[in-house]
Protein backbone atom coordinates (compact mmCIF):
# COMPACT_ATOMS: atom_id res chain seq x y z
CA PHE A 1 121.75 112.51 72.79
CA ILE A 2 122.63 111.29 76.32
CA ALA A 3 119.88 113.48 77.80
CA LEU A 4 117.39 112.19 75.24
CA LEU A 5 118.32 108.59 76.03
CA GLY A 6 117.91 109.30 79.75
CA THR A 7 114.49 110.84 79.08
CA ILE A 8 113.41 107.80 77.04
CA LEU A 9 114.53 105.50 79.84
CA ALA A 10 112.62 107.65 82.34
CA ARG A 11 109.47 107.42 80.19
CA ARG A 12 109.87 103.65 80.31
CA ASP A 13 110.31 104.00 84.06
CA ASP A 14 113.76 102.45 83.98
CA LEU A 15 114.65 105.00 86.61
CA HIS A 16 117.97 103.59 87.76
CA GLU A 17 119.48 103.68 84.26
CA ALA A 18 117.75 106.99 83.50
CA GLU A 19 119.39 108.60 86.54
CA SER A 20 122.83 107.42 85.41
CA TYR A 21 122.44 108.85 81.89
CA LEU A 22 120.89 112.12 83.05
CA ARG A 23 123.62 112.75 85.61
CA ARG A 24 126.15 112.40 82.78
CA ALA A 25 124.08 114.76 80.64
CA VAL A 26 124.00 117.43 83.38
CA GLN A 27 127.75 117.10 83.88
CA ILE A 28 128.36 117.61 80.15
CA ALA A 29 125.75 120.38 79.69
CA PRO A 30 124.89 121.92 83.09
CA ALA A 31 122.94 124.75 81.43
CA TYR A 32 120.56 122.42 79.59
CA PRO A 33 117.18 122.93 81.36
CA LYS A 34 115.52 119.70 80.16
CA ALA A 35 118.33 117.52 81.51
CA ASN A 36 118.08 119.19 84.93
CA GLU A 37 114.30 118.86 84.95
CA GLU A 38 114.33 115.21 83.89
CA LEU A 39 117.04 114.32 86.43
CA GLY A 40 115.08 116.08 89.17
CA SER A 41 111.94 114.18 88.13
CA VAL A 42 113.73 110.84 88.18
CA LEU A 43 115.20 111.51 91.62
CA LEU A 44 111.78 112.60 92.87
CA ASN A 45 110.19 109.40 91.54
CA ARG A 46 112.94 107.36 93.20
CA GLY A 47 112.03 108.80 96.60
CA LYS A 48 115.02 111.20 96.76
CA PRO A 49 113.43 114.67 97.10
CA LEU A 50 116.46 116.26 98.76
CA GLU A 51 118.68 115.22 95.85
CA ALA A 52 116.05 116.35 93.34
CA ILE A 53 115.68 119.91 94.65
CA PRO A 54 118.94 121.48 93.32
CA PHE A 55 118.35 120.11 89.81
CA LEU A 56 114.72 121.22 89.73
CA ARG A 57 115.67 124.62 91.09
CA LYS A 58 118.31 124.92 88.38
CA ALA A 59 115.68 123.95 85.79
CA THR A 60 113.37 126.76 86.94
CA GLU A 61 116.25 129.24 86.68
CA LEU A 62 117.12 128.07 83.18
CA SER A 63 113.47 127.80 82.08
CA PRO A 64 111.53 130.38 84.15
CA SER A 65 108.37 130.05 82.01
CA SER A 66 107.94 126.31 82.65
CA ALA A 67 104.96 125.63 84.93
CA GLU A 68 105.94 121.95 84.97
CA CYS A 69 109.38 122.70 86.46
CA PHE A 70 107.92 124.85 89.22
CA PHE A 71 105.24 122.23 89.94
CA LYS A 72 107.84 119.47 90.32
CA LEU A 73 110.02 121.73 92.48
CA GLY A 74 107.01 122.40 94.71
CA GLY A 75 106.43 118.66 95.11
CA ALA A 76 110.07 118.02 96.02
CA LEU A 77 110.17 120.87 98.54
CA LYS A 78 106.93 119.68 100.13
CA LEU A 79 108.29 116.15 100.53
CA ALA A 80 111.46 117.59 102.04
CA GLY A 81 109.42 119.51 104.65
CA ASP A 82 109.94 123.02 103.22
CA ASN A 83 106.27 124.03 103.14
CA ASP A 84 106.93 127.74 102.53
CA GLY A 85 109.24 127.03 99.61
CA ALA A 86 106.75 124.52 98.22
CA ALA A 87 103.91 127.06 98.41
CA ALA A 88 105.97 129.63 96.52
CA ALA A 89 106.89 127.15 93.78
CA PHE A 90 103.29 125.96 93.43
CA ALA A 91 102.07 129.56 93.27
CA GLN A 92 104.43 130.31 90.38
CA SER A 93 103.32 127.12 88.61
CA GLN A 94 99.71 128.23 88.96
CA ARG A 95 100.48 131.64 87.47
CA LEU A 96 102.09 129.96 84.46
CA SER A 97 99.53 127.19 83.84
CA PRO A 98 95.75 127.12 84.59
CA SER A 99 95.65 123.28 84.54
CA LYS A 100 98.52 123.03 87.02
CA ALA A 101 96.73 125.62 89.12
CA LYS A 102 93.57 123.52 89.05
CA LEU A 103 95.42 120.34 90.05
CA GLU A 104 97.25 122.13 92.86
CA GLU A 105 93.97 123.65 94.07
CA ALA A 106 92.34 120.21 94.01
CA SER A 107 95.28 118.81 96.00
CA ARG A 108 95.00 121.67 98.50
CA LEU A 109 91.28 121.05 98.94
CA PHE A 110 91.95 117.34 99.46
CA ALA A 111 94.56 118.13 102.15
CA ALA A 112 92.00 120.42 103.81
CA LYS A 113 89.49 117.51 103.77
CA LYS A 114 87.17 119.37 101.39
CA PHE A 115 86.62 116.22 99.38
CA ARG A 116 83.57 117.22 97.32
CA GLU A 117 85.28 120.34 95.98
CA ALA A 118 88.53 118.42 95.32
CA GLU A 119 86.62 115.67 93.51
CA LYS A 120 84.83 118.20 91.28
CA LEU A 121 88.11 119.80 90.13
CA ALA A 122 89.81 116.43 89.57
CA GLN A 123 86.88 115.23 87.44
CA GLU A 124 87.05 118.43 85.36
CA LEU A 125 90.74 117.78 84.73
CA ILE A 126 90.04 114.22 83.58
CA LEU A 127 87.29 115.44 81.25
CA GLU A 128 89.82 117.87 79.73
CA ASN A 129 92.47 115.13 79.51
CA PRO A 130 91.33 111.52 80.07
CA ARG A 131 94.97 110.43 80.34
CA ASP A 132 95.75 112.84 83.20
CA VAL A 133 97.05 110.21 85.64
CA ASN A 134 97.77 112.78 88.38
CA ALA A 135 94.14 113.91 88.47
CA ALA A 136 93.00 110.27 88.41
CA LEU A 137 95.41 109.50 91.26
CA LEU A 138 93.86 112.30 93.31
CA LEU A 139 90.38 110.90 92.61
CA SER A 140 91.54 107.50 93.84
CA LYS A 141 92.78 109.07 97.07
CA ILE A 142 89.40 110.74 97.55
CA ALA A 143 87.73 107.35 97.05
CA MET A 144 90.11 105.79 99.58
CA ASP A 145 89.32 108.46 102.14
CA ALA A 146 85.61 107.71 101.67
CA SER A 147 86.36 104.00 102.26
CA CYS A 148 85.29 103.24 98.67
CA TYR A 149 88.23 100.89 98.24
CA ALA A 150 86.86 98.94 95.27
CA ASP A 151 86.24 102.21 93.39
CA ALA A 152 89.77 103.37 94.21
CA GLU A 153 91.13 100.04 92.96
CA THR A 154 89.28 100.43 89.64
CA LEU A 155 90.74 103.92 89.14
CA LEU A 156 94.25 102.80 90.06
CA ARG A 157 94.20 99.80 87.75
CA ARG A 158 93.23 102.18 84.92
CA ILE A 159 96.15 104.46 85.84
CA THR A 160 98.61 101.56 85.82
CA ARG A 161 97.36 100.54 82.37
CA ILE A 162 97.97 104.09 81.06
CA ALA A 163 101.30 104.46 82.88
CA PRO A 164 102.48 100.93 83.72
CA ARG A 165 105.67 102.14 85.38
CA PHE A 166 104.04 104.87 87.51
CA ILE A 167 105.32 103.58 90.85
CA THR A 168 103.18 105.84 93.05
CA ALA A 169 100.06 104.40 91.41
CA TRP A 170 101.24 100.86 92.25
CA HIS A 171 101.79 101.96 95.86
CA GLU A 172 98.25 103.33 96.08
CA LEU A 173 96.82 100.24 94.35
CA ALA A 174 98.46 98.07 97.00
CA ALA A 175 96.89 100.24 99.71
CA ALA A 176 93.42 99.88 98.13
CA VAL A 177 93.79 96.10 97.84
CA LYS A 178 95.12 95.83 101.41
CA GLU A 179 92.03 97.64 102.73
CA GLN A 180 89.97 94.89 101.08
CA HIS A 181 91.91 92.31 103.14
CA ARG A 182 93.73 90.71 100.19
CA MET A 183 97.17 90.58 101.77
CA GLU A 184 98.81 88.11 99.39
CA GLU A 185 97.78 90.25 96.43
CA THR A 186 99.01 93.36 98.25
CA LEU A 187 102.44 91.79 98.61
CA GLU A 188 102.46 90.80 94.93
CA ILE A 189 101.65 94.38 93.84
CA LEU A 190 104.39 95.85 96.02
CA ALA A 191 106.87 93.22 94.83
CA HIS A 192 106.04 94.38 91.29
CA ALA A 193 106.67 98.00 92.32
CA LEU A 194 110.06 96.92 93.66
CA SER A 195 110.85 95.18 90.38
CA LEU A 196 110.25 98.47 88.52
CA ASP A 197 112.92 100.25 90.59
CA GLU A 198 114.85 98.42 93.29
CA GLY A 199 116.33 101.74 94.40
CA ASN A 200 112.98 103.24 95.43
CA SER A 201 112.99 103.62 99.21
CA GLU A 202 109.22 104.13 99.37
CA SER A 203 108.62 100.76 97.70
CA HIS A 204 110.88 99.02 100.22
CA TYR A 205 109.12 100.82 103.08
CA ARG A 206 105.63 99.88 101.91
CA TYR A 207 106.64 96.28 101.21
CA ALA A 208 108.15 96.03 104.70
CA ALA A 209 104.96 97.39 106.27
CA ALA A 210 102.83 94.90 104.29
CA LEU A 211 105.08 92.02 105.36
CA ALA A 212 104.72 93.11 109.00
CA THR A 213 100.92 93.24 108.65
CA ALA A 214 100.96 89.76 107.11
CA GLY A 215 102.87 88.48 110.16
CA LYS A 216 106.15 88.04 108.24
CA THR A 217 108.02 90.02 110.86
CA LEU A 218 111.57 88.82 110.26
CA GLU A 219 111.29 89.43 106.51
CA SER A 220 109.96 92.93 107.13
CA VAL A 221 113.12 93.89 109.05
CA GLU A 222 115.24 93.36 105.93
CA TYR A 223 113.07 95.63 103.78
CA TYR A 224 112.76 98.37 106.43
CA GLU A 225 116.54 98.40 106.71
CA LYS A 226 116.91 98.58 102.93
CA ALA A 227 114.48 101.53 102.78
CA ILE A 228 116.55 103.33 105.42
CA ASP A 229 119.80 102.55 103.60
CA LEU A 230 118.35 104.12 100.45
CA ASN A 231 116.88 107.11 102.30
CA PRO A 232 118.16 107.70 105.86
CA GLN A 233 115.51 110.45 106.21
CA GLN A 234 112.66 107.92 105.80
CA VAL A 235 110.95 108.50 109.15
CA GLY A 236 108.11 106.05 108.48
CA ALA A 237 110.59 103.26 107.81
CA LEU A 238 112.49 104.01 111.04
CA VAL A 239 109.26 103.94 113.06
CA GLY A 240 108.14 100.74 111.31
CA LEU A 241 111.53 99.16 112.00
CA GLY A 242 111.16 100.11 115.66
CA HIS A 243 107.75 98.41 115.75
CA VAL A 244 108.93 95.11 114.28
CA LEU A 245 112.09 95.03 116.42
CA LYS A 246 109.87 95.53 119.47
CA THR A 247 107.63 92.69 118.25
CA LEU A 248 110.67 90.43 117.98
CA GLY A 249 111.89 91.38 121.47
CA ASN A 250 114.93 93.37 120.22
CA TYR A 251 114.25 96.10 122.76
CA ASP A 252 117.45 98.18 122.53
CA GLU A 253 117.56 98.11 118.72
CA GLY A 254 113.92 99.16 118.60
CA ILE A 255 114.62 102.13 120.85
CA GLU A 256 117.54 103.15 118.65
CA ALA A 257 115.30 103.15 115.55
CA TYR A 258 112.65 105.25 117.32
CA GLN A 259 115.27 107.71 118.56
CA ARG A 260 116.68 108.18 115.06
CA ALA A 261 113.16 108.92 113.80
CA ARG A 262 112.56 111.32 116.67
CA ALA A 263 115.70 113.30 115.84
CA LEU A 264 114.44 113.74 112.27
CA LYS A 265 110.84 114.63 113.13
CA PRO A 266 110.54 115.77 116.78
CA ASN A 267 106.95 117.05 116.38
CA PHE A 268 105.68 113.68 115.17
CA GLY A 269 103.95 112.50 118.34
CA GLU A 270 103.62 108.88 117.25
CA ILE A 271 107.37 108.41 117.74
CA VAL A 272 107.50 109.25 121.44
CA PHE A 273 104.26 107.34 121.91
CA SER A 274 105.94 104.30 120.39
CA LEU A 275 108.70 104.60 123.00
CA SER A 276 106.09 104.97 125.73
CA ASN A 277 104.17 101.99 124.37
CA LEU A 278 107.15 99.76 125.14
CA LYS A 279 105.74 100.09 128.71
CA THR A 280 109.18 99.61 130.28
CA TYR A 281 110.83 102.70 128.70
CA ARG A 282 111.36 105.72 130.98
CA PHE A 283 111.63 109.35 129.84
CA SER A 284 114.14 111.79 131.33
CA ASP A 285 113.29 115.20 132.83
CA GLN A 286 114.57 116.78 129.64
CA ASP A 287 112.32 114.53 127.52
CA ILE A 288 109.27 115.48 129.57
CA ASP A 289 110.03 119.22 129.41
CA ASP A 290 110.44 118.93 125.64
CA MET A 291 107.11 117.12 125.24
CA LEU A 292 105.32 119.62 127.50
CA HIS A 293 106.55 122.35 125.17
CA ARG A 294 105.53 120.50 122.02
CA VAL A 295 102.06 119.36 123.12
CA ASP A 296 100.91 123.02 123.33
CA GLN A 297 102.79 124.17 120.26
CA GLU A 298 100.75 126.16 117.76
CA GLY A 299 100.23 124.28 114.51
CA LEU A 300 100.78 120.83 116.02
CA SER A 301 98.50 118.28 114.36
CA LEU A 302 95.64 116.90 116.44
CA ASP A 303 96.98 113.37 115.97
CA SER A 304 100.37 114.37 117.39
CA GLU A 305 98.72 116.23 120.28
CA VAL A 306 96.84 113.02 121.16
CA HIS A 307 100.03 110.94 121.00
CA PHE A 308 102.02 113.44 123.08
CA SER A 309 99.19 113.54 125.64
CA PHE A 310 99.12 109.76 126.13
CA THR A 311 102.92 109.71 126.30
CA LEU A 312 103.09 112.45 128.94
CA ALA A 313 100.37 110.69 130.92
CA LYS A 314 102.41 107.47 131.02
CA ALA A 315 105.57 109.40 131.92
CA PHE A 316 103.87 111.12 134.87
CA GLU A 317 102.26 107.85 135.99
CA ASP A 318 105.70 106.21 136.02
CA ARG A 319 106.79 109.05 138.35
CA LYS A 320 103.76 108.41 140.58
CA GLU A 321 102.37 111.88 139.75
CA PHE A 322 98.94 110.37 139.27
CA ASP A 323 96.82 113.55 139.19
CA ARG A 324 99.08 115.05 136.51
CA ALA A 325 99.01 111.75 134.64
CA PHE A 326 95.22 111.63 134.59
CA GLU A 327 95.11 115.21 133.31
CA PHE A 328 96.92 114.07 130.16
CA TYR A 329 95.06 110.76 129.87
CA HIS A 330 91.83 112.75 129.93
CA ARG A 331 93.15 115.25 127.39
CA GLY A 332 94.31 112.57 124.96
CA ASN A 333 91.08 110.58 125.23
CA THR A 334 88.82 113.63 124.90
CA LYS A 335 90.68 114.95 121.86
CA HIS A 336 90.62 111.57 120.12
CA ARG A 337 86.96 110.91 120.99
CA GLY A 338 86.06 113.98 118.95
CA THR A 339 87.59 112.42 115.83
CA ILE A 340 85.87 109.01 115.87
CA ALA A 341 82.36 107.66 115.45
CA TYR A 342 80.99 105.40 118.16
CA ASP A 343 77.32 104.76 118.85
CA PRO A 344 76.64 102.87 122.10
CA VAL A 345 72.96 102.45 121.19
CA GLN A 346 73.88 100.71 117.93
CA THR A 347 76.32 98.49 119.86
CA ALA A 348 73.53 97.42 122.21
CA ILE A 349 71.16 96.74 119.29
CA THR A 350 73.78 94.63 117.47
CA HIS A 351 74.58 92.63 120.60
CA GLN A 352 70.88 91.95 121.20
CA LYS A 353 70.46 90.68 117.63
CA ILE A 354 73.39 88.31 118.18
CA LYS A 355 71.87 86.96 121.39
CA ASP A 356 68.46 86.56 119.75
CA THR A 357 70.02 84.67 116.83
CA PHE A 358 72.38 82.36 118.70
CA ASP A 359 69.92 81.17 121.33
CA GLU A 360 69.90 77.81 123.04
CA GLY A 361 67.47 76.26 120.57
CA PHE A 362 69.41 77.21 117.44
CA LEU A 363 72.75 76.04 118.85
CA ARG A 364 71.21 72.75 120.03
CA GLU A 365 69.66 72.19 116.59
CA LEU A 366 73.06 72.69 114.90
CA LYS A 367 74.73 70.35 117.37
CA ASP A 368 72.09 67.64 116.87
CA LYS A 369 72.54 67.85 113.08
CA GLY A 370 76.33 67.65 113.37
CA VAL A 371 76.81 71.02 111.69
CA GLY A 372 80.21 72.72 111.77
CA GLU A 373 83.84 72.07 110.89
CA LYS A 374 85.06 69.51 113.42
CA GLN A 375 88.79 70.35 113.48
CA PRO A 376 89.78 71.36 117.03
CA ASP A 377 92.71 73.59 115.96
CA PRO A 378 91.65 77.08 117.15
CA ILE A 379 91.97 78.34 120.71
CA PHE A 380 90.15 81.68 120.91
CA ILE A 381 91.09 84.13 123.67
CA VAL A 382 88.40 86.78 124.04
CA GLY A 383 87.57 89.61 126.41
CA LEU A 384 88.34 93.29 126.71
CA PRO A 385 91.78 94.66 125.80
CA ARG A 386 94.28 95.09 128.65
CA SER A 387 92.75 92.16 130.56
CA GLY A 388 95.60 89.66 130.40
CA SER A 389 94.88 88.08 127.02
CA THR A 390 98.48 88.52 125.84
CA LEU A 391 99.70 86.76 128.97
CA LEU A 392 97.34 83.83 128.31
CA GLU A 393 98.46 83.67 124.70
CA GLN A 394 102.12 83.67 125.75
CA ILE A 395 101.43 80.81 128.20
CA LEU A 396 99.73 78.75 125.49
CA ALA A 397 102.27 79.68 122.79
CA SER A 398 104.99 78.32 125.09
CA HIS A 399 103.47 74.85 124.58
CA SER A 400 105.09 72.67 121.92
CA LEU A 401 101.70 71.86 120.35
CA VAL A 402 100.46 75.46 120.01
CA ASP A 403 101.30 78.24 117.57
CA GLY A 404 100.82 81.70 119.04
CA THR A 405 99.55 83.98 116.28
CA SER A 406 98.09 87.33 117.31
CA GLU A 407 94.83 89.29 117.10
CA LEU A 408 93.53 87.82 113.86
CA PRO A 409 90.84 89.72 111.93
CA ASP A 410 89.54 86.65 110.12
CA LEU A 411 86.52 85.73 112.27
CA GLY A 412 84.99 89.17 111.75
CA ARG A 413 85.50 88.75 108.02
CA ILE A 414 83.86 85.34 108.14
CA SER A 415 80.82 86.96 109.78
CA ASN A 416 80.65 89.36 106.82
CA LEU A 417 80.28 86.39 104.45
CA ILE A 418 76.87 85.67 105.98
CA THR A 419 75.57 88.97 104.65
CA ASP A 420 74.29 88.55 101.09
CA ARG A 421 72.23 91.40 99.62
CA GLU A 422 70.96 89.33 96.70
CA LYS A 423 69.54 86.74 99.09
CA GLY A 424 68.32 89.42 101.52
CA ARG A 425 70.55 87.98 104.23
CA GLN A 426 72.35 89.88 106.99
CA TYR A 427 74.58 88.98 109.90
CA PRO A 428 73.77 87.72 112.45
CA GLU A 429 70.21 86.51 111.80
CA GLY A 430 71.02 85.49 108.23
CA ILE A 431 72.92 82.42 109.44
CA GLN A 432 69.58 80.82 110.31
CA ASP A 433 68.71 80.85 106.59
CA MET A 434 71.92 79.08 105.57
CA ALA A 435 72.15 75.40 104.72
CA PRO A 436 74.15 73.21 107.14
CA SER A 437 76.86 72.75 104.50
CA GLU A 438 77.19 76.54 104.14
CA ILE A 439 77.59 76.98 107.90
CA THR A 440 80.20 74.23 108.01
CA GLY A 441 81.91 75.95 105.06
CA LEU A 442 82.29 79.13 107.11
CA GLY A 443 84.33 77.23 109.70
CA LEU A 444 86.51 75.70 107.01
CA GLU A 445 86.98 79.10 105.41
CA TYR A 446 88.20 80.52 108.74
CA LEU A 447 90.72 77.68 109.11
CA ASN A 448 91.95 78.17 105.54
CA ARG A 449 92.34 81.93 105.98
CA THR A 450 94.27 81.63 109.24
CA ARG A 451 96.67 78.99 107.93
CA ARG A 452 99.08 81.69 106.74
CA HIS A 453 99.67 82.73 110.37
CA ARG A 454 100.57 79.23 111.56
CA GLU A 455 103.90 77.42 111.73
CA GLY A 456 102.83 73.79 111.74
CA ALA A 457 101.65 73.06 115.30
CA PRO A 458 98.32 71.21 115.58
CA TYR A 459 96.69 74.06 117.56
CA PHE A 460 96.86 77.86 117.35
CA THR A 461 95.63 80.87 119.30
CA ASP A 462 93.50 83.75 118.03
CA LYS A 463 93.39 86.50 120.64
CA MET A 464 91.21 89.08 118.92
CA PRO A 465 89.44 90.42 122.05
CA ASN A 466 86.22 91.53 120.35
CA ASN A 467 85.52 87.97 119.24
CA PHE A 468 83.53 87.67 122.47
CA ALA A 469 80.54 88.88 120.44
CA HIS A 470 81.16 86.11 117.88
CA ILE A 471 81.19 83.17 120.27
CA GLY A 472 77.84 82.00 118.86
CA LEU A 473 79.39 82.01 115.40
CA ILE A 474 82.35 79.98 116.70
CA LEU A 475 80.06 77.42 118.35
CA ALA A 476 78.00 77.14 115.16
CA THR A 477 80.84 76.84 112.67
CA MET A 478 83.66 75.23 114.72
CA PRO A 479 82.03 73.33 117.56
CA ASN A 480 85.30 71.76 118.77
CA ALA A 481 87.20 75.04 119.07
CA LYS A 482 88.28 76.12 122.55
CA ILE A 483 87.27 79.55 123.91
CA ILE A 484 88.91 81.31 126.85
CA ASP A 485 87.42 84.45 128.41
CA ALA A 486 90.28 86.61 129.77
CA ARG A 487 88.93 88.56 132.73
CA ARG A 488 90.39 91.22 134.99
CA TYR A 489 88.85 93.24 137.81
CA PRO A 490 86.41 95.54 135.96
CA LEU A 491 87.89 98.85 137.11
CA ASP A 492 91.45 97.72 136.32
CA SER A 493 90.32 96.42 132.95
CA CYS A 494 88.56 99.66 132.02
CA ILE A 495 91.35 101.93 133.27
CA GLY A 496 93.82 99.80 131.33
CA CYS A 497 91.77 100.52 128.19
CA TYR A 498 91.45 104.24 128.97
CA LYS A 499 95.23 104.54 129.36
CA GLN A 500 95.89 102.91 125.98
CA HIS A 501 95.69 104.78 122.68
CA PHE A 502 94.84 102.02 120.21
CA ALA A 503 96.21 102.01 116.68
CA ARG A 504 92.69 101.41 115.36
CA GLY A 505 89.31 100.22 116.61
CA GLN A 506 88.23 99.95 120.28
CA THR A 507 86.29 103.20 119.80
CA TYR A 508 84.36 102.70 123.03
CA THR A 509 87.48 103.21 125.19
CA TYR A 510 87.87 107.00 124.89
CA ASP A 511 85.05 108.05 127.23
CA LEU A 512 84.73 106.69 130.77
CA PHE A 513 80.94 106.45 130.78
CA GLU A 514 80.85 104.74 127.36
CA LEU A 515 83.60 102.40 128.54
CA ALA A 516 81.51 101.40 131.57
CA GLU A 517 78.47 100.80 129.34
CA PHE A 518 80.50 98.62 126.99
CA TYR A 519 81.94 96.57 129.84
CA LEU A 520 78.40 95.85 131.05
CA GLU A 521 77.45 94.86 127.48
CA TYR A 522 80.43 92.50 127.38
CA ASP A 523 79.58 90.97 130.76
CA GLU A 524 75.96 90.48 129.71
CA MET A 525 77.06 88.85 126.46
CA MET A 526 79.34 86.42 128.30
CA SER A 527 76.48 85.55 130.67
CA HIS A 528 74.35 84.76 127.61
CA TRP A 529 76.95 82.34 126.24
CA GLN A 530 77.20 80.61 129.61
CA LYS A 531 73.43 80.23 129.64
CA VAL A 532 73.02 78.86 126.10
CA ALA A 533 76.24 76.82 126.01
CA PRO A 534 77.13 75.94 129.61
CA ASP A 535 80.81 75.33 130.35
CA ARG A 536 81.89 75.77 126.73
CA VAL A 537 83.88 78.90 127.60
CA LEU A 538 86.66 78.82 130.19
CA ARG A 539 86.79 81.98 132.28
CA VAL A 540 90.30 82.85 133.49
CA GLN A 541 90.78 85.66 136.00
CA TYR A 542 94.00 87.66 135.57
CA GLU A 543 94.47 88.07 139.31
CA ASP A 544 94.24 84.29 139.80
CA VAL A 545 96.94 83.73 137.17
CA VAL A 546 99.21 86.21 138.94
CA ASN A 547 98.65 84.65 142.37
CA GLU A 548 98.37 80.96 141.41
CA LEU A 549 100.35 80.68 138.20
CA GLU A 550 101.01 76.94 138.03
CA ASP A 551 97.49 75.97 139.14
CA GLN A 552 95.96 78.24 136.51
CA VAL A 553 98.34 77.00 133.81
CA ARG A 554 97.31 73.41 134.56
CA ARG A 555 93.63 74.42 134.50
CA ILE A 556 94.03 76.12 131.09
CA LEU A 557 95.94 73.18 129.61
CA ASP A 558 93.39 70.67 130.95
CA TYR A 559 90.58 72.65 129.32
CA CYS A 560 92.47 72.71 126.01
CA LYS A 561 93.20 68.97 126.37
CA LEU A 562 96.93 69.61 126.24
CA PRO A 563 99.54 67.79 128.35
CA TYR A 564 101.29 69.84 131.03
CA GLU A 565 104.62 71.42 129.97
CA LYS A 566 106.78 73.42 132.36
CA GLY A 567 107.59 75.85 129.56
CA CYS A 568 104.09 77.26 129.94
CA VAL A 569 104.92 78.36 133.50
CA ASP A 570 108.26 79.76 132.30
CA PHE A 571 106.45 81.62 129.52
CA HIS A 572 108.73 84.68 129.76
CA GLN A 573 111.60 82.62 128.35
CA THR A 574 109.73 81.84 125.12
CA LYS A 575 111.18 83.57 122.07
CA ARG A 576 108.41 84.66 119.71
CA ALA A 577 106.98 87.72 118.03
CA VAL A 578 104.41 89.55 120.20
CA ARG A 579 102.53 92.30 118.39
CA THR A 580 100.40 93.86 121.16
CA ALA A 581 101.06 96.63 123.67
CA SER A 582 101.97 94.03 126.32
CA SER A 583 104.90 92.65 124.30
CA GLU A 584 107.61 93.64 126.77
CA GLN A 585 105.56 92.78 129.84
CA VAL A 586 105.05 89.13 128.83
CA ARG A 587 108.82 88.77 128.41
CA GLN A 588 109.17 89.23 132.18
CA PRO A 589 108.32 86.75 134.96
CA ILE A 590 104.83 87.06 136.44
CA TYR A 591 104.35 90.18 138.56
CA SER A 592 101.50 91.75 140.55
CA GLY A 593 102.20 95.42 139.81
CA SER A 594 99.18 95.79 137.51
CA ILE A 595 96.63 94.72 140.14
CA GLY A 596 94.67 97.60 141.64
CA THR A 597 96.02 100.32 139.32
CA TRP A 598 92.57 101.91 139.13
CA GLN A 599 93.07 103.16 142.70
CA ARG A 600 95.71 105.64 141.47
CA PHE A 601 92.96 107.56 139.70
CA GLU A 602 90.00 106.90 142.00
CA ASN A 603 89.29 110.61 142.51
CA HIS A 604 88.94 111.16 138.77
CA ILE A 605 86.87 108.19 137.62
CA THR A 606 83.51 108.69 139.34
CA SER A 607 81.55 108.20 136.12
CA LEU A 608 83.31 104.89 135.50
CA ILE A 609 82.73 103.63 139.04
CA GLU A 610 79.07 104.66 138.95
CA GLY A 611 78.61 103.11 135.51
CA LEU A 612 80.03 99.78 136.70
CA GLU A 613 78.14 99.83 139.98
CA PRO A 614 75.70 97.02 139.01
CA LEU A 615 78.67 94.72 138.38
CA LEU A 616 80.84 95.93 141.27
CA ALA A 617 77.95 95.27 143.64
CA LYS A 618 78.13 91.59 142.60
CA THR A 619 81.92 91.19 142.46
CA GLY A 620 82.77 93.33 145.48
CA LYS A 621 85.12 96.32 145.55
CA GLN A 622 88.81 95.53 145.20
CA THR A 623 91.01 96.90 147.99
């Protein structure tokens, strides 16, 4: 009776109570296979695969003809990292049940990125059993991988209607909604998953990650720590905790979290890269020898090889072994370039369309008609990454009237609102077909969307670097916004990008020639804005800020129409969350060590120097 009650509770997804009853049932009747299987299933669903394994193994011994038991055991072993044991359990499940075999084969094909074949098998399973939520879940993952997020959401909402307490489905639904940039709804879905089982470490981990993405950094710490309390083996939660502690400036605690993750999963290259990405962390001889061994290890994932390569490059650069450093920078960039799509011709075409659309005549017409949201709140900081934009943001965020936010994605999403297939309208040229009220509405929509990142100051920064291409959109929709172009010597700027492995985007940075082409595109775009809207954009040179800090601070504040505050010069004393790779650097006083770093690699960057030659001929070569 106790086992039956536990099973009923499990079916209702009251997993905490179910676990309690089933543990009692196993104690009373240890040879009862169903109690062992159900307890193992509950533990597996609660994110406790290591605890689930002995009960599921016992269930297979007591019920050797059960394909379901072997299938669940395989899942638990796989989650625990025992791939050989998992394969053996799955193989036995397949021998016992054709449908389990088909689902496992579909899962294997999905893992091997053979999505068409996996999709075909999953669809066959759903035709055989329309309520097969596992096959439907696999189909949703295939849709996610194809970036068909709305389709994935539809599938996942159907799954949650069939199995309303299927926590994994809620997790995946949150991921699909998040990819559609609905962060508040994402948080609501994950909060619901937590309400189904507060002891599920995966739910705490995912909720923490969503909070961090939404800029709720302090809150995310609490949920990462809870996930780790529930499952100390939760590597993702430890890495995530390290990230948010770094963002908050808790340097030593962040390192401790990364080191704990590294001890659990030493071949996971992202962990050592996270330590390297602190910029001020230094690896020991033993660390470097270990990474040199791992980077060439057979079976290492390509992603980890890339992360180890960038980490070794930084470690050798710190030791002034610049040739060895470049060897690994080149390796990491080349490997990653092979995994991403970037078309420089399409970039040039898009940029030309933007310039043709936002010409002097169109912008003057909008100004004369008084089009655009007049609030002066935003201060945009644009440019290329690694050009001093975080430093400028930290200076401005040290002012009592300015909220420092981060690299906000909202302006790009506002540009997408211009595209309307029914009206035959596309960005950028489609804005010329919009009514003045619609254009003004875009500016208001941006301000409404970004409000969640603000803390009440009258002004705020948005330092998304690629917004340089959207300056025409800013001028059209928010004519009183301020725009600062963060510049650095071209070779330093480009080498800074080449040395950085970005979490996402910036696809032009992984090849030196393409990087040079993009920099020229950027420079040409900024020249266009100066031509069509003279003196609307303030250009700030990184080297000038380093050498003339107070003068440049006053110049920036004057442009932004802000009174001078000494705190802006003492920016390194400001306590705030900084989410970019420069987070530790802007917590130090101004320094000149990053000027001229390109010279360390001069013998290796001929294609970059030649590509930038038209610009270097105008600016002069830095010595």
